[in-house]
Amino acid sequence: MSNPVITHQPGAGSYGTNVQTGKWSTGLCSCCSDILVCALGFICPIALSCYTADKYGENVCLACVPGGMTAMRTHMRLTYGIQGTICSDALMTCCCGFLETCRMAREIRIRNGDV
């Protein structure tokens, strides 16, 4: 039996086809646009993280796992076509944790029509 000769290289699959041209619906410091989210995040940031994970369809324990919110932000950004990188996701959740969690919760509420 002879091996078939490859005459055509396969092209790129589904990787790299997600065009990220969108932006977040609200700014990082737009807490006044959703007072409920802002209040919950200020009083108990862990509760807001669990709420955000639940509303996004993830297990609430994701909020307690190191790097869990970064992973969720990355997935959310890719799902909604929002510009950014994994490095920016890690920096935003690490350095601006409370504010970024509030923005993620607002984004989910806006996209679900809860606001």
PDB file of N, CA and C in Angstrom:
ATOM      1  N   MET A   1       0.830  -1.176   0.000  1.00  0.00           N
ATOM      2  CA  MET A   1       0.000   0.000   0.000  1.00  0.00           C
ATOM      3  C   MET A   1       0.874   1.239   0.000  1.00  0.00           C
ATOM      4  N   SER A   2       0.508   2.159  -0.805  1.00  0.00           N
ATOM      5  CA  SER A   2       1.283   3.393  -0.848  1.00  0.00           C
ATOM      6  C   SER A   2       0.562   4.470  -0.040  1.00  0.00           C
ATOM      7  N   ASN A   3       1.355   5.331   0.543  1.00  0.00           N
ATOM      8  CA  ASN A   3       0.800   6.453   1.315  1.00  0.00           C
ATOM      9  C   ASN A   3       0.336   7.545   0.355  1.00  0.00           C
ATOM     10  N   PRO A   4      -0.799   8.156   0.635  1.00  0.00           N
ATOM     11  CA  PRO A   4      -1.266   9.227  -0.246  1.00  0.00           C
ATOM     12  C   PRO A   4      -0.337  10.437  -0.144  1.00  0.00           C
ATOM     13  N   VAL A   5      -0.186  11.118  -1.248  1.00  0.00           N
ATOM     14  CA  VAL A   5       0.656  12.311  -1.302  1.00  0.00           C
ATOM     15  C   VAL A   5      -0.191  13.518  -0.918  1.00  0.00           C
ATOM     16  N   ILE A   6       0.326  14.295   0.003  1.00  0.00           N
ATOM     17  CA  ILE A   6      -0.396  15.505   0.426  1.00  0.00           C
ATOM     18  C   ILE A   6      -0.070  16.614  -0.560  1.00  0.00           C
ATOM     19  N   THR A   7      -1.100  17.123  -1.188  1.00  0.00           N
ATOM     20  CA  THR A   7      -0.887  18.194  -2.163  1.00  0.00           C
ATOM     21  C   THR A   7      -1.475  19.523  -1.708  1.00  0.00           C
ATOM     22  N   HIS A   8      -2.207  19.495  -0.596  1.00  0.00           N
ATOM     23  CA  HIS A   8      -2.856  20.720  -0.115  1.00  0.00           C
ATOM     24  C   HIS A   8      -2.769  20.771   1.405  1.00  0.00           C
ATOM     25  N   GLN A   9      -2.264  21.872   1.929  1.00  0.00           N
ATOM     26  CA  GLN A   9      -2.199  22.051   3.372  1.00  0.00           C
ATOM     27  C   GLN A   9      -3.533  22.601   3.861  1.00  0.00           C
ATOM     28  N   PRO A  10      -4.033  22.067   4.945  1.00  0.00           N
ATOM     29  CA  PRO A  10      -5.289  22.618   5.463  1.00  0.00           C
ATOM     30  C   PRO A  10      -5.097  24.048   5.937  1.00  0.00           C
ATOM     31  N   GLY A  11      -6.115  24.868   5.741  1.00  0.00           N
ATOM     32  CA  GLY A  11      -6.071  26.260   6.180  1.00  0.00           C
ATOM     33  C   GLY A  11      -6.371  26.370   7.659  1.00  0.00           C
ATOM     34  N   ALA A  12      -6.434  27.586   8.101  1.00  0.00           N
ATOM     35  CA  ALA A  12      -6.739  27.833   9.506  1.00  0.00           C
ATOM     36  C   ALA A  12      -8.151  27.372   9.802  1.00  0.00           C
ATOM     37  N   GLY A  13      -8.306  26.731  10.938  1.00  0.00           N
ATOM     38  CA  GLY A  13      -9.628  26.264  11.356  1.00  0.00           C
ATOM     39  C   GLY A  13     -10.406  27.394  11.984  1.00  0.00           C
ATOM     40  N   SER A  14     -11.057  27.082  13.076  1.00  0.00           N
ATOM     41  CA  SER A  14     -11.883  28.088  13.725  1.00  0.00           C
ATOM     42  C   SER A  14     -11.058  29.045  14.578  1.00  0.00           C
ATOM     43  N   TYR A  15      -9.783  28.767  14.774  1.00  0.00           N
ATOM     44  CA  TYR A  15      -8.964  29.659  15.583  1.00  0.00           C
ATOM     45  C   TYR A  15      -8.712  30.954  14.843  1.00  0.00           C
ATOM     46  N   GLY A  16      -8.805  32.043  15.554  1.00  0.00           N
ATOM     47  CA  GLY A  16      -8.509  33.333  14.963  1.00  0.00           C
ATOM     48  C   GLY A  16      -9.645  33.911  14.138  1.00  0.00           C
ATOM     49  N   THR A  17     -10.811  33.273  14.158  1.00  0.00           N
ATOM     50  CA  THR A  17     -11.907  33.799  13.356  1.00  0.00           C
ATOM     51  C   THR A  17     -12.817  34.710  14.167  1.00  0.00           C
ATOM     52  N   ASN A  18     -12.629  34.774  15.481  1.00  0.00           N
ATOM     53  CA  ASN A  18     -13.454  35.637  16.319  1.00  0.00           C
ATOM     54  C   ASN A  18     -12.916  37.060  16.234  1.00  0.00           C
ATOM     55  N   VAL A  19     -13.584  37.895  15.468  1.00  0.00           N
ATOM     56  CA  VAL A  19     -13.148  39.268  15.306  1.00  0.00           C
ATOM     57  C   VAL A  19     -13.607  40.055  16.523  1.00  0.00           C
ATOM     58  N   GLN A  20     -12.653  40.630  17.216  1.00  0.00           N
ATOM     59  CA  GLN A  20     -12.959  41.367  18.433  1.00  0.00           C
ATOM     60  C   GLN A  20     -12.938  42.859  18.129  1.00  0.00           C
ATOM     61  N   THR A  21     -14.094  43.403  17.853  1.00  0.00           N
ATOM     62  CA  THR A  21     -14.183  44.825  17.527  1.00  0.00           C
ATOM     63  C   THR A  21     -15.048  45.575  18.523  1.00  0.00           C
ATOM     64  N   GLY A  22     -15.711  44.842  19.413  1.00  0.00           N
ATOM     65  CA  GLY A  22     -16.623  45.467  20.360  1.00  0.00           C
ATOM     66  C   GLY A  22     -15.923  46.069  21.560  1.00  0.00           C
ATOM     67  N   LYS A  23     -16.719  46.744  22.352  1.00  0.00           N
ATOM     68  CA  LYS A  23     -16.225  47.353  23.589  1.00  0.00           C
ATOM     69  C   LYS A  23     -17.172  46.974  24.716  1.00  0.00           C
ATOM     70  N   TRP A  24     -16.725  47.151  25.943  1.00  0.00           N
ATOM     71  CA  TRP A  24     -17.572  46.931  27.100  1.00  0.00           C
ATOM     72  C   TRP A  24     -18.716  47.929  27.047  1.00  0.00           C
ATOM     73  N   SER A  25     -19.884  47.535  27.518  1.00  0.00           N
ATOM     74  CA  SER A  25     -21.059  48.413  27.490  1.00  0.00           C
ATOM     75  C   SER A  25     -20.917  49.606  28.419  1.00  0.00           C
ATOM     76  N   THR A  26     -20.165  49.423  29.497  1.00  0.00           N
ATOM     77  CA  THR A  26     -19.944  50.506  30.454  1.00  0.00           C
ATOM     78  C   THR A  26     -18.457  50.619  30.752  1.00  0.00           C
ATOM     79  N   GLY A  27     -18.071  51.759  31.269  1.00  0.00           N
ATOM     80  CA  GLY A  27     -16.678  51.973  31.636  1.00  0.00           C
ATOM     81  C   GLY A  27     -16.337  51.305  32.959  1.00  0.00           C
ATOM     82  N   LEU A  28     -15.070  51.289  33.265  1.00  0.00           N
ATOM     83  CA  LEU A  28     -14.601  50.645  34.483  1.00  0.00           C
ATOM     84  C   LEU A  28     -15.180  51.320  35.728  1.00  0.00           C
ATOM     85  N   CYS A  29     -15.300  52.613  35.713  1.00  0.00           N
ATOM     86  CA  CYS A  29     -15.769  53.365  36.883  1.00  0.00           C
ATOM     87  C   CYS A  29     -17.215  53.827  36.743  1.00  0.00           C
ATOM     88  N   SER A  30     -18.020  53.124  35.988  1.00  0.00           N
ATOM     89  CA  SER A  30     -19.421  53.502  35.774  1.00  0.00           C
ATOM     90  C   SER A  30     -20.351  52.844  36.777  1.00  0.00           C
ATOM     91  N   CYS A  31     -19.955  52.861  38.039  1.00  0.00           N
ATOM     92  CA  CYS A  31     -20.737  52.180  39.075  1.00  0.00           C
ATOM     93  C   CYS A  31     -22.144  52.746  39.215  1.00  0.00           C
ATOM     94  N   CYS A  32     -22.314  54.037  38.958  1.00  0.00           N
ATOM     95  CA  CYS A  32     -23.633  54.660  39.137  1.00  0.00           C
ATOM     96  C   CYS A  32     -24.646  54.187  38.097  1.00  0.00           C
ATOM     97  N   SER A  33     -24.187  53.525  37.048  1.00  0.00           N
ATOM     98  CA  SER A  33     -25.125  53.055  36.025  1.00  0.00           C
ATOM     99  C   SER A  33     -25.928  51.845  36.507  1.00  0.00           C
ATOM    100  N   ASP A  34     -25.484  51.174  37.559  1.00  0.00           N
ATOM    101  CA  ASP A  34     -26.226  50.061  38.159  1.00  0.00           C
ATOM    102  C   ASP A  34     -25.922  50.041  39.657  1.00  0.00           C
ATOM    103  N   ILE A  35     -26.745  50.742  40.415  1.00  0.00           N
ATOM    104  CA  ILE A  35     -26.516  50.914  41.853  1.00  0.00           C
ATOM    105  C   ILE A  35     -26.541  49.581  42.596  1.00  0.00           C
ATOM    106  N   LEU A  36     -27.409  48.648  42.189  1.00  0.00           N
ATOM    107  CA  LEU A  36     -27.496  47.351  42.852  1.00  0.00           C
ATOM    108  C   LEU A  36     -26.160  46.613  42.794  1.00  0.00           C
ATOM    109  N   VAL A  37     -25.583  46.565  41.612  1.00  0.00           N
ATOM    110  CA  VAL A  37     -24.299  45.883  41.434  1.00  0.00           C
ATOM    111  C   VAL A  37     -23.210  46.589  42.227  1.00  0.00           C
ATOM    112  N   CYS A  38     -23.194  47.908  42.166  1.00  0.00           N
ATOM    113  CA  CYS A  38     -22.170  48.677  42.873  1.00  0.00           C
ATOM    114  C   CYS A  38     -22.270  48.452  44.377  1.00  0.00           C
ATOM    115  N   ALA A  39     -23.488  48.488  44.908  1.00  0.00           N
ATOM    116  CA  ALA A  39     -23.678  48.302  46.347  1.00  0.00           C
ATOM    117  C   ALA A  39     -23.258  46.900  46.786  1.00  0.00           C
ATOM    118  N   LEU A  40     -23.664  45.898  46.031  1.00  0.00           N
ATOM    119  CA  LEU A  40     -23.291  44.526  46.369  1.00  0.00           C
ATOM    120  C   LEU A  40     -21.775  44.340  46.306  1.00  0.00           C
ATOM    121  N   GLY A  41     -21.149  44.905  45.289  1.00  0.00           N
ATOM    122  CA  GLY A  41     -19.701  44.794  45.155  1.00  0.00           C
ATOM    123  C   GLY A  41     -18.944  45.513  46.259  1.00  0.00           C
ATOM    124  N   PHE A  42     -19.482  46.636  46.715  1.00  0.00           N
ATOM    125  CA  PHE A  42     -18.831  47.399  47.773  1.00  0.00           C
ATOM    126  C   PHE A  42     -18.983  46.703  49.117  1.00  0.00           C
ATOM    127  N   ILE A  43     -20.184  46.170  49.381  1.00  0.00           N
ATOM    128  CA  ILE A  43     -20.454  45.522  50.671  1.00  0.00           C
ATOM    129  C   ILE A  43     -19.778  44.158  50.764  1.00  0.00           C
ATOM    130  N   CYS A  44     -19.898  43.362  49.702  1.00  0.00           N
ATOM    131  CA  CYS A  44     -19.324  42.004  49.733  1.00  0.00           C
ATOM    132  C   CYS A  44     -18.861  41.601  48.322  1.00  0.00           C
ATOM    133  N   PRO A  45     -17.601  41.893  47.995  1.00  0.00           N
ATOM    134  CA  PRO A  45     -17.094  41.587  46.646  1.00  0.00           C
ATOM    135  C   PRO A  45     -17.186  40.102  46.271  1.00  0.00           C
ATOM    136  N   ILE A  46     -17.024  39.202  47.247  1.00  0.00           N
ATOM    137  CA  ILE A  46     -17.118  37.765  46.952  1.00  0.00           C
ATOM    138  C   ILE A  46     -18.539  37.417  46.513  1.00  0.00           C
ATOM    139  N   ALA A  47     -19.533  38.013  47.188  1.00  0.00           N
ATOM    140  CA  ALA A  47     -20.927  37.754  46.810  1.00  0.00           C
ATOM    141  C   ALA A  47     -21.188  38.233  45.389  1.00  0.00           C
ATOM    142  N   LEU A  48     -20.628  39.396  45.025  1.00  0.00           N
ATOM    143  CA  LEU A  48     -20.805  39.897  43.657  1.00  0.00           C
ATOM    144  C   LEU A  48     -20.119  38.976  42.659  1.00  0.00           C
ATOM    145  N   SER A  49     -18.943  38.471  42.996  1.00  0.00           N
ATOM    146  CA  SER A  49     -18.243  37.546  42.107  1.00  0.00           C
ATOM    147  C   SER A  49     -19.048  36.267  41.900  1.00  0.00           C
ATOM    148  N   CYS A  50     -19.623  35.745  42.972  1.00  0.00           N
ATOM    149  CA  CYS A  50     -20.465  34.540  42.864  1.00  0.00           C
ATOM    150  C   CYS A  50     -21.722  34.833  42.045  1.00  0.00           C
ATOM    151  N   TYR A  51     -22.336  35.990  42.271  1.00  0.00           N
ATOM    152  CA  TYR A  51     -23.516  36.408  41.515  1.00  0.00           C
ATOM    153  C   TYR A  51     -23.184  36.508  40.023  1.00  0.00           C
ATOM    154  N   THR A  52     -22.034  37.119  39.723  1.00  0.00           N
ATOM    155  CA  THR A  52     -21.607  37.294  38.330  1.00  0.00           C
ATOM    156  C   THR A  52     -21.387  35.944  37.659  1.00  0.00           C
ATOM    157  N   ALA A  53     -20.703  35.049  38.348  1.00  0.00           N
ATOM    158  CA  ALA A  53     -20.462  33.708  37.798  1.00  0.00           C
ATOM    159  C   ALA A  53     -21.781  32.989  37.540  1.00  0.00           C
ATOM    160  N   ASP A  54     -22.706  33.082  38.481  1.00  0.00           N
ATOM    161  CA  ASP A  54     -23.999  32.424  38.338  1.00  0.00           C
ATOM    162  C   ASP A  54     -24.792  32.999  37.162  1.00  0.00           C
ATOM    163  N   LYS A  55     -24.837  34.327  37.049  1.00  0.00           N
ATOM    164  CA  LYS A  55     -25.584  34.965  35.955  1.00  0.00           C
ATOM    165  C   LYS A  55     -24.966  34.645  34.594  1.00  0.00           C
ATOM    166  N   TYR A  56     -23.656  34.395  34.577  1.00  0.00           N
ATOM    167  CA  TYR A  56     -22.967  34.062  33.325  1.00  0.00           C
ATOM    168  C   TYR A  56     -23.114  32.585  32.981  1.00  0.00           C
ATOM    169  N   GLY A  57     -23.658  31.806  33.915  1.00  0.00           N
ATOM    170  CA  GLY A  57     -23.867  30.387  33.660  1.00  0.00           C
ATOM    171  C   GLY A  57     -22.732  29.500  34.132  1.00  0.00           C
ATOM    172  N   GLU A  58     -21.863  30.052  34.945  1.00  0.00           N
ATOM    173  CA  GLU A  58     -20.742  29.291  35.491  1.00  0.00           C
ATOM    174  C   GLU A  58     -21.063  28.869  36.922  1.00  0.00           C
ATOM    175  N   ASN A  59     -20.291  27.951  37.441  1.00  0.00           N
ATOM    176  CA  ASN A  59     -20.420  27.523  38.822  1.00  0.00           C
ATOM    177  C   ASN A  59     -20.004  28.673  39.725  1.00  0.00           C
ATOM    178  N   VAL A  60     -20.754  28.922  40.787  1.00  0.00           N
ATOM    179  CA  VAL A  60     -20.444  30.035  41.679  1.00  0.00           C
ATOM    180  C   VAL A  60     -19.085  29.876  42.351  1.00  0.00           C
ATOM    181  N   CYS A  61     -18.594  28.663  42.454  1.00  0.00           N
ATOM    182  CA  CYS A  61     -17.278  28.421  43.058  1.00  0.00           C
ATOM    183  C   CYS A  61     -16.143  28.994  42.209  1.00  0.00           C
ATOM    184  N   LEU A  62     -16.419  29.287  40.956  1.00  0.00           N
ATOM    185  CA  LEU A  62     -15.392  29.858  40.084  1.00  0.00           C
ATOM    186  C   LEU A  62     -14.848  31.151  40.666  1.00  0.00           C
ATOM    187  N   ALA A  63     -15.690  31.892  41.376  1.00  0.00           N
ATOM    188  CA  ALA A  63     -15.274  33.155  41.976  1.00  0.00           C
ATOM    189  C   ALA A  63     -14.228  32.961  43.070  1.00  0.00           C
ATOM    190  N   CYS A  64     -14.174  31.785  43.659  1.00  0.00           N
ATOM    191  CA  CYS A  64     -13.250  31.518  44.767  1.00  0.00           C
ATOM    192  C   CYS A  64     -11.966  30.828  44.317  1.00  0.00           C
ATOM    193  N   VAL A  65     -11.901  30.428  43.070  1.00  0.00           N
ATOM    194  CA  VAL A  65     -10.725  29.740  42.537  1.00  0.00           C
ATOM    195  C   VAL A  65      -9.722  30.783  42.049  1.00  0.00           C
ATOM    196  N   PRO A  66      -8.445  30.666  42.440  1.00  0.00           N
ATOM    197  CA  PRO A  66      -7.459  31.630  41.928  1.00  0.00           C
ATOM    198  C   PRO A  66      -7.445  31.639  40.400  1.00  0.00           C
ATOM    199  N   GLY A  67      -7.589  32.809  39.840  1.00  0.00           N
ATOM    200  CA  GLY A  67      -7.605  32.957  38.384  1.00  0.00           C
ATOM    201  C   GLY A  67      -8.963  32.712  37.759  1.00  0.00           C
ATOM    202  N   GLY A  68      -9.946  32.367  38.570  1.00  0.00           N
ATOM    203  CA  GLY A  68     -11.271  32.059  38.044  1.00  0.00           C
ATOM    204  C   GLY A  68     -11.942  33.255  37.387  1.00  0.00           C
ATOM    205  N   MET A  69     -11.841  34.418  38.016  1.00  0.00           N
ATOM    206  CA  MET A  69     -12.465  35.614  37.450  1.00  0.00           C
ATOM    207  C   MET A  69     -11.738  36.057  36.180  1.00  0.00           C
ATOM    208  N   THR A  70     -10.433  35.839  36.135  1.00  0.00           N
ATOM    209  CA  THR A  70      -9.685  36.150  34.914  1.00  0.00           C
ATOM    210  C   THR A  70     -10.156  35.257  33.777  1.00  0.00           C
ATOM    211  N   ALA A  71     -10.317  33.972  34.061  1.00  0.00           N
ATOM    212  CA  ALA A  71     -10.789  33.033  33.037  1.00  0.00           C
ATOM    213  C   ALA A  71     -12.191  33.412  32.569  1.00  0.00           C
ATOM    214  N   MET A  72     -13.047  33.795  33.514  1.00  0.00           N
ATOM    215  CA  MET A  72     -14.403  34.167  33.140  1.00  0.00           C
ATOM    216  C   MET A  72     -14.417  35.456  32.335  1.00  0.00           C
ATOM    217  N   ARG A  73     -13.567  36.413  32.696  1.00  0.00           N
ATOM    218  CA  ARG A  73     -13.491  37.666  31.936  1.00  0.00           C
ATOM    219  C   ARG A  73     -13.016  37.385  30.519  1.00  0.00           C
ATOM    220  N   THR A  74     -12.030  36.521  30.369  1.00  0.00           N
ATOM    221  CA  THR A  74     -11.530  36.169  29.038  1.00  0.00           C
ATOM    222  C   THR A  74     -12.637  35.517  28.218  1.00  0.00           C
ATOM    223  N   HIS A  75     -13.344  34.566  28.806  1.00  0.00           N
ATOM    224  CA  HIS A  75     -14.425  33.888  28.094  1.00  0.00           C
ATOM    225  C   HIS A  75     -15.532  34.871  27.726  1.00  0.00           C
ATOM    226  N   MET A  76     -15.870  35.740  28.649  1.00  0.00           N
ATOM    227  CA  MET A  76     -16.913  36.738  28.406  1.00  0.00           C
ATOM    228  C   MET A  76     -16.500  37.677  27.267  1.00  0.00           C
ATOM    229  N   ARG A  77     -15.248  38.116  27.299  1.00  0.00           N
ATOM    230  CA  ARG A  77     -14.749  39.018  26.264  1.00  0.00           C
ATOM    231  C   ARG A  77     -14.782  38.359  24.895  1.00  0.00           C
ATOM    232  N   LEU A  78     -14.386  37.106  24.820  1.00  0.00           N
ATOM    233  CA  LEU A  78     -14.404  36.388  23.543  1.00  0.00           C
ATOM    234  C   LEU A  78     -15.826  36.115  23.077  1.00  0.00           C
ATOM    235  N   THR A  79     -16.720  35.772  24.008  1.00  0.00           N
ATOM    236  CA  THR A  79     -18.113  35.502  23.662  1.00  0.00           C
ATOM    237  C   THR A  79     -18.789  36.740  23.099  1.00  0.00           C
ATOM    238  N   TYR A  80     -18.540  37.883  23.720  1.00  0.00           N
ATOM    239  CA  TYR A  80     -19.197  39.124  23.305  1.00  0.00           C
ATOM    240  C   TYR A  80     -18.407  39.900  22.257  1.00  0.00           C
ATOM    241  N   GLY A  81     -17.240  39.390  21.857  1.00  0.00           N
ATOM    242  CA  GLY A  81     -16.447  40.052  20.810  1.00  0.00           C
ATOM    243  C   GLY A  81     -15.824  41.352  21.266  1.00  0.00           C
ATOM    244  N   ILE A  82     -15.435  41.425  22.527  1.00  0.00           N
ATOM    245  CA  ILE A  82     -14.845  42.643  23.091  1.00  0.00           C
ATOM    246  C   ILE A  82     -13.333  42.588  22.921  1.00  0.00           C
ATOM    247  N   GLN A  83     -12.761  43.720  22.537  1.00  0.00           N
ATOM    248  CA  GLN A  83     -11.319  43.800  22.320  1.00  0.00           C
ATOM    249  C   GLN A  83     -10.555  43.542  23.611  1.00  0.00           C
ATOM    250  N   GLY A  84      -9.373  42.982  23.495  1.00  0.00           N
ATOM    251  CA  GLY A  84      -8.515  42.767  24.647  1.00  0.00           C
ATOM    252  C   GLY A  84      -7.640  41.545  24.474  1.00  0.00           C
ATOM    253  N   THR A  85      -6.839  41.310  25.499  1.00  0.00           N
ATOM    254  CA  THR A  85      -5.926  40.167  25.504  1.00  0.00           C
ATOM    255  C   THR A  85      -6.035  39.447  26.845  1.00  0.00           C
ATOM    256  N   ILE A  86      -5.456  38.274  26.907  1.00  0.00           N
ATOM    257  CA  ILE A  86      -5.434  37.532  28.166  1.00  0.00           C
ATOM    258  C   ILE A  86      -4.638  38.298  29.215  1.00  0.00           C
ATOM    259  N   CYS A  87      -3.566  38.958  28.786  1.00  0.00           N
ATOM    260  CA  CYS A  87      -2.773  39.758  29.732  1.00  0.00           C
ATOM    261  C   CYS A  87      -3.607  40.893  30.315  1.00  0.00           C
ATOM    262  N   SER A  88      -4.389  41.570  29.478  1.00  0.00           N
ATOM    263  CA  SER A  88      -5.229  42.656  29.994  1.00  0.00           C
ATOM    264  C   SER A  88      -6.298  42.099  30.930  1.00  0.00           C
ATOM    265  N   ASP A  89      -6.802  40.899  30.631  1.00  0.00           N
ATOM    266  CA  ASP A  89      -7.787  40.275  31.513  1.00  0.00           C
ATOM    267  C   ASP A  89      -7.176  40.023  32.886  1.00  0.00           C
ATOM    268  N   ALA A  90      -5.978  39.476  32.913  1.00  0.00           N
ATOM    269  CA  ALA A  90      -5.313  39.177  34.183  1.00  0.00           C
ATOM    270  C   ALA A  90      -5.007  40.455  34.957  1.00  0.00           C
ATOM    271  N   LEU A  91      -4.517  41.469  34.266  1.00  0.00           N
ATOM    272  CA  LEU A  91      -4.199  42.724  34.943  1.00  0.00           C
ATOM    273  C   LEU A  91      -5.444  43.409  35.497  1.00  0.00           C
ATOM    274  N   MET A  92      -6.509  43.421  34.720  1.00  0.00           N
ATOM    275  CA  MET A  92      -7.734  44.092  35.159  1.00  0.00           C
ATOM    276  C   MET A  92      -8.347  43.390  36.370  1.00  0.00           C
ATOM    277  N   THR A  93      -8.397  42.063  36.361  1.00  0.00           N
ATOM    278  CA  THR A  93      -8.996  41.363  37.493  1.00  0.00           C
ATOM    279  C   THR A  93      -8.093  41.396  38.722  1.00  0.00           C
ATOM    280  N   CYS A  94      -6.794  41.477  38.512  1.00  0.00           N
ATOM    281  CA  CYS A  94      -5.855  41.508  39.644  1.00  0.00           C
ATOM    282  C   CYS A  94      -5.751  42.911  40.245  1.00  0.00           C
ATOM    283  N   CYS A  95      -5.575  43.916  39.410  1.00  0.00           N
ATOM    284  CA  CYS A  95      -5.327  45.276  39.902  1.00  0.00           C
ATOM    285  C   CYS A  95      -6.603  46.070  40.160  1.00  0.00           C
ATOM    286  N   CYS A  96      -7.653  45.779  39.447  1.00  0.00           N
ATOM    287  CA  CYS A  96      -8.913  46.531  39.573  1.00  0.00           C
ATOM    288  C   CYS A  96     -10.049  45.583  39.926  1.00  0.00           C
ATOM    289  N   GLY A  97      -9.785  44.617  40.778  1.00  0.00           N
ATOM    290  CA  GLY A  97     -10.713  43.530  41.064  1.00  0.00           C
ATOM    291  C   GLY A  97     -12.153  43.927  41.291  1.00  0.00           C
ATOM    292  N   PHE A  98     -12.417  44.783  42.284  1.00  0.00           N
ATOM    293  CA  PHE A  98     -13.779  45.191  42.610  1.00  0.00           C
ATOM    294  C   PHE A  98     -14.439  45.907  41.438  1.00  0.00           C
ATOM    295  N   LEU A  99     -13.732  46.861  40.849  1.00  0.00           N
ATOM    296  CA  LEU A  99     -14.306  47.628  39.743  1.00  0.00           C
ATOM    297  C   LEU A  99     -14.545  46.746  38.516  1.00  0.00           C
ATOM    298  N   GLU A 100     -13.621  45.843  38.249  1.00  0.00           N
ATOM    299  CA  GLU A 100     -13.769  44.972  37.079  1.00  0.00           C
ATOM    300  C   GLU A 100     -14.887  43.962  37.278  1.00  0.00           C
ATOM    301  N   THR A 101     -15.028  43.443  38.476  1.00  0.00           N
ATOM    302  CA  THR A 101     -16.132  42.520  38.751  1.00  0.00           C
ATOM    303  C   THR A 101     -17.468  43.236  38.597  1.00  0.00           C
ATOM    304  N   CYS A 102     -17.539  44.476  39.047  1.00  0.00           N
ATOM    305  CA  CYS A 102     -18.760  45.273  38.855  1.00  0.00           C
ATOM    306  C   CYS A 102     -19.056  45.453  37.362  1.00  0.00           C
ATOM    307  N   ARG A 103     -18.035  45.746  36.581  1.00  0.00           N
ATOM    308  CA  ARG A 103     -18.244  45.940  35.147  1.00  0.00           C
ATOM    309  C   ARG A 103     -18.702  44.649  34.480  1.00  0.00           C
ATOM    310  N   MET A 104     -18.122  43.522  34.876  1.00  0.00           N
ATOM    311  CA  MET A 104     -18.538  42.239  34.307  1.00  0.00           C
ATOM    312  C   MET A 104     -19.994  41.944  34.658  1.00  0.00           C
ATOM    313  N   ALA A 105     -20.383  42.216  35.902  1.00  0.00           N
ATOM    314  CA  ALA A 105     -21.770  41.988  36.313  1.00  0.00           C
ATOM    315  C   ALA A 105     -22.716  42.898  35.538  1.00  0.00           C
ATOM    316  N   ARG A 106     -22.322  44.167  35.354  1.00  0.00           N
ATOM    317  CA  ARG A 106     -23.156  45.090  34.573  1.00  0.00           C
ATOM    318  C   ARG A 106     -23.295  44.613  33.136  1.00  0.00           C
ATOM    319  N   GLU A 107     -22.198  44.129  32.565  1.00  0.00           N
ATOM    320  CA  GLU A 107     -22.217  43.650  31.176  1.00  0.00           C
ATOM    321  C   GLU A 107     -23.215  42.499  31.019  1.00  0.00           C
ATOM    322  N   ILE A 108     -23.184  41.573  31.946  1.00  0.00           N
ATOM    323  CA  ILE A 108     -24.100  40.426  31.882  1.00  0.00           C
ATOM    324  C   ILE A 108     -25.537  40.894  32.041  1.00  0.00           C
ATOM    325  N   ARG A 109     -25.768  41.786  32.994  1.00  0.00           N
ATOM    326  CA  ARG A 109     -27.132  42.290  33.214  1.00  0.00           C
ATOM    327  C   ARG A 109     -27.643  43.055  31.978  1.00  0.00           C
ATOM    328  N   ILE A 110     -26.790  43.833  31.363  1.00  0.00           N
ATOM    329  CA  ILE A 110     -27.187  44.569  30.157  1.00  0.00           C
ATOM    330  C   ILE A 110     -27.492  43.616  29.019  1.00  0.00           C
ATOM    331  N   ARG A 111     -26.608  42.635  28.800  1.00  0.00           N
ATOM    332  CA  ARG A 111     -26.801  41.683  27.689  1.00  0.00           C
ATOM    333  C   ARG A 111     -28.006  40.778  27.906  1.00  0.00           C
ATOM    334  N   ASN A 112     -28.344  40.507  29.186  1.00  0.00           N
ATOM    335  CA  ASN A 112     -29.519  39.679  29.486  1.00  0.00           C
ATOM    336  C   ASN A 112     -30.799  40.496  29.577  1.00  0.00           C
ATOM    337  N   GLY A 113     -30.684  41.812  29.488  1.00  0.00           N
ATOM    338  CA  GLY A 113     -31.852  42.680  29.577  1.00  0.00           C
ATOM    339  C   GLY A 113     -32.374  42.842  30.991  1.00  0.00           C
ATOM    340  N   ASP A 114     -31.521  42.620  31.996  1.00  0.00           N
ATOM    341  CA  ASP A 114     -31.942  42.722  33.393  1.00  0.00           C
ATOM    342  C   ASP A 114     -31.904  44.155  33.922  1.00  0.00           C
ATOM    343  N   VAL A 115     -31.341  45.075  33.163  1.00  0.00           N
ATOM    344  CA  VAL A 115     -31.213  46.462  33.632  1.00  0.00           C
ATOM    345  C   VAL A 115     -32.288  47.318  33.019  1.00  0.00           C
TER     346      VAL A 115
END
